[in-house]
Structures are given as C-alpha cells and as structure tokens.
Amino acid sequence: MGRAFEYRRAAKEKRWGMMSRVFPKLGNKITIAAKESGPDPDMNPSLRTAIQNAKAANMPKDNILAAIKRATSKEFESMVEVNYEGKGPHGVLVFVECATNNTTRTVANVKSYFNKAGGSVVPTGSLEFMFERKAIFEFENSSDIDVEELELELIDAGLEEIELIDDVVVLSGDYKAFGTLTKALEEQGIEPTKSILQRFSTSPVIFNDEQLDEINKMLNKLDEDDDVLEVFTNIE
C-alpha cells in the first residue's frame, strides 16, 4: 500500500510539474494570437487554434480567459516573438522559438543552456535552411470520416500528406497553408486536437543513447524556461 501511495503521489507531482511548464506556454500562445488579431475566437483563426490546443491539454477555462484578457494589459505590450538557433552537445542542431517581454533575459538564459552543455548559439538564420516548416493537424478518426474523400477535399487548401496512425488522422502541409487548412477543416466539421506549426530537420541525425542523455539534459533546461515556446532538433 505504501508503494502504491508513493507511485500515485509521484505520478501526481509529475502531472502537476508538466502542467506548470505547459500551461504558461499555451497561455502565451493564446495571448500572442489575441494581441495580433483580436480577442474574438470567431474572428481570429489563430486564437481559435491556440484555444483548441489549450483545451486538448486540459488547460482550465479560467486560464484561457485570463490569457486572452492579458493581451490588452500593459504587462504584455512589450511581448515579442524571437527565435534562437544553436549547436548543442555532439553537434546537435537546435531551433528555439520564444515569446518574451525581456529579450536581454531570454537570450542570456538560452545562451547559458547551450554554453553549459558545451554548445553555443549561432547567428540567426544560420540553421534556417536545415529545417522545413510544416502545418500539422491531428484529430481522432471516426466512422464518419472517409480519409480518402477528405484528402481530395483538402488538396486545394494546401494539403500535402495525410496519414492514419492508429486511430489518429495526421495532416501536413506547407506552413503558409496553415490558415486555409484550418478553415477547410472547420468547413468539414472537424475540430483538431492539435494544430501546430512544426519544424522538421531536412537532414536528421542518429545519436546513440549516451549522446542523447547529454543532449536531453540541455533540451530539458530549454523546455523548462517559461520564455521558450517550442524546441526543434535534427535528432532522427
């Protein structure tokens, strides 16, 4: 019984730890979308998508509303989106997307994570060609969805690939087609559980377990930083 209790407590602490890191990042994405195109999800596809992603992660409604409201606050006036690129342990390539109201703090933190791991931040744009950006959508498959027919319906909206992985439909297209694909899915009555812009390495590299342990220590530090929204690598 003691072990079972400890397991449940550890699982709960892990879950709360993940939420404490994930919710602020999701909140920042909501706030940025609301700031850019308005606080009405019906008139702002980017905000609607950010809210959907937050709901899929079980973010409480109050947190979502607070994130929207924050877009008009003085605290958020200086918030900007910035990217950093770097090389980590064993030459791993890392692309970091951030949102911050203090770039001096953010760049200092990001540089420290790379430096302490034996890596370094490189000039912006150095790794841009090493990653391709894609619009990714996921939703649960159901008997109401004809995947082949859906593919035909979405090609004109910018669909490049559609896959059925277990019970999940995964769609991908060029990042510029994010808006048209979002609208096309809405017209089909489909609400994705995930809608993201993701960077994929054009030349992925295989690392061994020992190397991955060192790399992941640095990636975890980046992921724990509230200013960091997304981290992409060239790990196979």
Protein backbone atom coordinates (compact mmCIF):
# COMPACT_ATOMS: atom_id res chain seq x y z
CA MET A 1 0.00 0.00 0.00
CA GLY A 2 2.87 2.32 0.82
CA ARG A 3 4.46 1.77 -2.58
CA ALA A 4 1.13 2.34 -4.34
CA PHE A 5 0.68 5.62 -2.47
CA GLU A 6 4.19 6.75 -3.36
CA TYR A 7 3.59 5.85 -7.03
CA ARG A 8 0.34 7.84 -7.13
CA ARG A 9 1.98 10.80 -5.42
CA ALA A 10 4.94 10.71 -7.82
CA ALA A 11 2.58 10.50 -10.80
CA LYS A 12 0.55 13.43 -9.49
CA GLU A 13 3.68 15.52 -8.91
CA LYS A 14 4.89 14.71 -12.44
CA ARG A 15 1.50 15.70 -13.87
CA TRP A 16 1.44 18.99 -11.96
CA GLY A 17 5.04 19.63 -12.96
CA MET A 18 4.16 19.19 -16.63
CA MET A 19 1.15 21.49 -16.29
CA SER A 20 3.21 24.16 -14.55
CA ARG A 21 5.52 24.21 -17.59
CA VAL A 22 2.99 23.66 -20.38
CA PHE A 23 0.16 25.98 -19.31
CA PRO A 24 2.24 29.20 -19.28
CA LYS A 25 3.50 28.38 -22.80
CA LEU A 26 -0.01 27.68 -24.07
CA GLY A 27 -1.19 30.86 -22.35
CA ASN A 28 1.50 32.89 -24.11
CA LYS A 29 0.42 31.50 -27.48
CA ILE A 30 -3.19 32.46 -26.76
CA THR A 31 -2.17 35.95 -25.66
CA ILE A 32 0.02 36.49 -28.72
CA ALA A 33 -2.78 35.38 -31.06
CA ALA A 34 -5.28 37.65 -29.30
CA LYS A 35 -2.88 40.59 -29.43
CA GLU A 36 -2.18 40.15 -33.14
CA SER A 37 -5.72 39.68 -34.48
CA GLY A 38 -8.20 40.45 -31.71
CA PRO A 39 -9.76 38.66 -28.72
CA ASP A 40 -12.77 37.14 -30.55
CA PRO A 41 -12.04 33.49 -31.48
CA ASP A 42 -14.83 33.55 -34.10
CA MET A 43 -12.99 36.31 -35.97
CA ASN A 44 -9.45 35.15 -35.21
CA PRO A 45 -8.45 31.69 -36.58
CA SER A 46 -5.04 31.79 -34.86
CA LEU A 47 -6.66 32.42 -31.49
CA ARG A 48 -9.22 29.72 -32.15
CA THR A 49 -6.42 27.26 -32.87
CA ALA A 50 -4.47 28.27 -29.76
CA ILE A 51 -7.57 27.75 -27.63
CA GLN A 52 -8.20 24.33 -29.18
CA ASN A 53 -4.63 23.26 -28.37
CA ALA A 54 -5.01 24.53 -24.81
CA LYS A 55 -8.26 22.63 -24.35
CA ALA A 56 -6.65 19.47 -25.72
CA ALA A 57 -4.01 19.83 -22.97
CA ASN A 58 -6.81 20.20 -20.37
CA MET A 59 -5.97 23.83 -19.63
CA PRO A 60 -8.74 25.26 -17.40
CA LYS A 61 -11.22 27.69 -18.96
CA ASP A 62 -10.29 30.41 -16.45
CA ASN A 63 -6.64 30.20 -17.56
CA ILE A 64 -7.70 30.52 -21.19
CA LEU A 65 -9.87 33.57 -20.50
CA ALA A 66 -7.09 35.15 -18.43
CA ALA A 67 -4.62 34.63 -21.28
CA ILE A 68 -6.98 36.37 -23.73
CA LYS A 69 -7.52 39.27 -21.33
CA ARG A 70 -3.76 39.65 -20.83
CA ALA A 71 -3.39 40.67 -24.49
CA THR A 72 -4.69 44.14 -23.65
CA SER A 73 -2.66 44.58 -20.47
CA LYS A 74 0.35 46.89 -20.16
CA GLU A 75 2.38 43.90 -19.00
CA PHE A 76 2.07 42.37 -22.44
CA GLU A 77 2.70 45.48 -24.56
CA SER A 78 6.39 44.71 -24.97
CA MET A 79 5.96 40.96 -25.64
CA VAL A 80 7.72 39.85 -28.82
CA GLU A 81 8.38 36.54 -30.56
CA VAL A 82 12.05 35.73 -31.14
CA ASN A 83 13.96 32.70 -32.42
CA TYR A 84 17.39 31.43 -31.44
CA GLU A 85 19.50 28.82 -33.18
CA GLY A 86 22.36 26.83 -31.80
CA LYS A 87 24.56 23.76 -31.77
CA GLY A 88 24.41 21.58 -28.69
CA PRO A 89 26.32 18.55 -27.42
CA HIS A 90 27.67 16.24 -30.15
CA GLY A 91 26.78 18.77 -32.82
CA VAL A 92 23.01 18.50 -32.46
CA LEU A 93 21.23 21.37 -34.20
CA VAL A 94 18.57 23.19 -32.18
CA PHE A 95 15.97 25.76 -33.22
CA VAL A 96 14.30 27.58 -30.30
CA GLU A 97 11.09 29.64 -30.59
CA CYS A 98 10.42 32.09 -27.76
CA ALA A 99 7.96 34.75 -26.62
CA THR A 100 9.32 37.30 -24.18
CA ASN A 101 8.90 40.79 -22.73
CA ASN A 102 12.61 40.92 -21.93
CA THR A 103 14.90 39.77 -24.75
CA THR A 104 18.01 40.52 -22.67
CA ARG A 105 16.88 37.97 -20.08
CA THR A 106 15.80 35.42 -22.65
CA VAL A 107 18.93 35.47 -24.81
CA ALA A 108 21.12 35.29 -21.68
CA ASN A 109 19.22 32.24 -20.44
CA VAL A 110 19.23 30.48 -23.81
CA LYS A 111 22.96 31.11 -24.28
CA SER A 112 23.69 29.77 -20.80
CA TYR A 113 21.86 26.49 -21.52
CA PHE A 114 23.93 25.97 -24.67
CA ASN A 115 27.23 27.07 -23.10
CA LYS A 116 26.87 24.87 -20.01
CA ALA A 117 26.21 21.89 -22.28
CA GLY A 118 29.33 22.59 -24.33
CA GLY A 119 27.42 24.13 -27.23
CA SER A 120 26.81 27.63 -28.49
CA VAL A 121 24.19 29.92 -30.00
CA VAL A 122 24.83 30.72 -33.69
CA PRO A 123 23.78 33.81 -35.68
CA THR A 124 20.07 33.98 -36.54
CA GLY A 125 19.38 32.41 -39.91
CA SER A 126 22.35 30.05 -39.81
CA LEU A 127 20.19 26.95 -39.41
CA GLU A 128 17.02 28.14 -41.15
CA PHE A 129 17.76 26.06 -44.25
CA MET A 130 18.34 22.96 -42.10
CA PHE A 131 14.67 22.89 -41.07
CA GLU A 132 11.46 22.97 -43.08
CA ARG A 133 8.33 24.37 -41.51
CA LYS A 134 5.07 22.45 -41.78
CA ALA A 135 1.47 22.94 -40.69
CA ILE A 136 0.42 19.86 -38.72
CA PHE A 137 -3.11 18.89 -37.70
CA GLU A 138 -4.25 15.86 -35.70
CA PHE A 139 -7.70 14.56 -34.87
CA GLU A 140 -9.27 11.26 -33.88
CA ASN A 141 -10.50 9.04 -36.69
CA SER A 142 -14.17 8.06 -36.69
CA SER A 143 -16.63 6.12 -38.83
CA ASP A 144 -17.96 9.48 -40.10
CA ILE A 145 -14.64 10.33 -41.74
CA ASP A 146 -13.69 8.96 -45.15
CA VAL A 147 -9.93 9.59 -45.21
CA GLU A 148 -9.61 9.25 -48.99
CA GLU A 149 -12.50 11.61 -49.62
CA LEU A 150 -11.17 14.06 -47.05
CA GLU A 151 -7.81 14.07 -48.82
CA LEU A 152 -9.48 15.13 -52.08
CA GLU A 153 -11.42 17.86 -50.28
CA LEU A 154 -8.28 19.33 -48.67
CA ILE A 155 -5.81 19.26 -51.56
CA ASP A 156 -6.91 22.68 -52.81
CA ALA A 157 -6.49 24.03 -49.26
CA GLY A 158 -2.80 23.09 -49.26
CA LEU A 159 -2.77 19.51 -48.01
CA GLU A 160 0.48 17.69 -48.82
CA GLU A 161 0.11 14.46 -46.86
CA ILE A 162 -2.49 12.60 -44.84
CA GLU A 163 -1.70 9.61 -42.61
CA LEU A 164 -3.73 7.35 -40.37
CA ILE A 165 -1.63 6.45 -37.32
CA ASP A 166 -3.51 4.05 -35.05
CA ASP A 167 -6.79 5.94 -34.52
CA VAL A 168 -5.39 9.39 -35.23
CA VAL A 169 -5.53 11.23 -38.57
CA VAL A 170 -2.44 13.37 -39.16
CA LEU A 171 -2.45 16.05 -41.85
CA SER A 172 0.51 18.11 -43.04
CA GLY A 173 1.04 20.96 -45.45
CA ASP A 174 3.34 23.90 -46.06
CA TYR A 175 3.31 26.35 -43.15
CA LYS A 176 1.82 29.02 -45.42
CA ALA A 177 -1.28 26.82 -45.81
CA PHE A 178 -2.00 26.80 -42.06
CA GLY A 179 -4.89 29.26 -42.36
CA THR A 180 -6.53 27.68 -45.41
CA LEU A 181 -6.28 24.18 -43.94
CA THR A 182 -7.73 25.40 -40.64
CA LYS A 183 -10.69 26.92 -42.47
CA ALA A 184 -11.17 23.83 -44.67
CA LEU A 185 -11.26 21.54 -41.63
CA GLU A 186 -13.83 23.81 -39.98
CA GLU A 187 -15.98 23.60 -43.10
CA GLN A 188 -15.77 19.81 -42.84
CA GLY A 189 -16.94 20.00 -39.21
CA ILE A 190 -13.62 18.67 -37.92
CA GLU A 191 -12.07 20.11 -34.75
CA PRO A 192 -8.39 19.10 -34.47
CA THR A 193 -6.96 18.02 -31.14
CA LYS A 194 -3.68 19.53 -32.26
CA SER A 195 -2.92 22.33 -34.73
CA ILE A 196 0.69 23.47 -34.82
CA LEU A 197 3.47 24.88 -36.96
CA GLN A 198 6.36 22.47 -36.62
CA ARG A 199 9.93 22.50 -37.90
CA PHE A 200 11.39 19.26 -39.29
CA SER A 201 15.06 18.65 -39.91
CA THR A 202 15.96 18.27 -43.59
CA SER A 203 18.95 16.09 -42.59
CA PRO A 204 18.11 14.19 -39.37
CA VAL A 205 20.97 12.56 -37.47
CA ILE A 206 21.04 9.40 -35.37
CA PHE A 207 22.64 9.75 -31.92
CA ASN A 208 23.44 6.92 -29.53
CA ASP A 209 21.86 6.58 -26.09
CA GLU A 210 24.80 8.13 -24.25
CA GLN A 211 24.81 11.13 -26.57
CA LEU A 212 21.04 11.51 -26.28
CA ASP A 213 21.30 11.61 -22.48
CA GLU A 214 23.62 14.61 -22.69
CA ILE A 215 21.53 16.30 -25.38
CA ASN A 216 18.29 15.81 -23.46
CA LYS A 217 19.73 17.46 -20.34
CA MET A 218 20.15 20.66 -22.34
CA LEU A 219 16.78 20.30 -24.10
CA ASN A 220 15.06 19.87 -20.73
CA LYS A 221 16.61 23.11 -19.49
CA LEU A 222 15.29 24.91 -22.56
CA ASP A 223 11.86 23.35 -22.17
CA GLU A 224 11.64 24.42 -18.52
CA ASP A 225 12.17 28.09 -19.42
CA ASP A 226 8.83 29.95 -19.47
CA ASP A 227 10.01 32.17 -22.35
CA VAL A 228 10.59 29.14 -24.60
CA LEU A 229 7.55 28.09 -26.63
CA GLU A 230 8.95 25.32 -28.84
CA VAL A 231 12.24 23.48 -29.32
CA PHE A 232 13.13 21.62 -32.53
CA THR A 233 16.20 19.49 -33.27
CA ASN A 234 17.75 17.41 -36.04
CA ILE A 235 17.53 14.23 -33.96
CA GLU A 236 16.35 11.28 -36.07
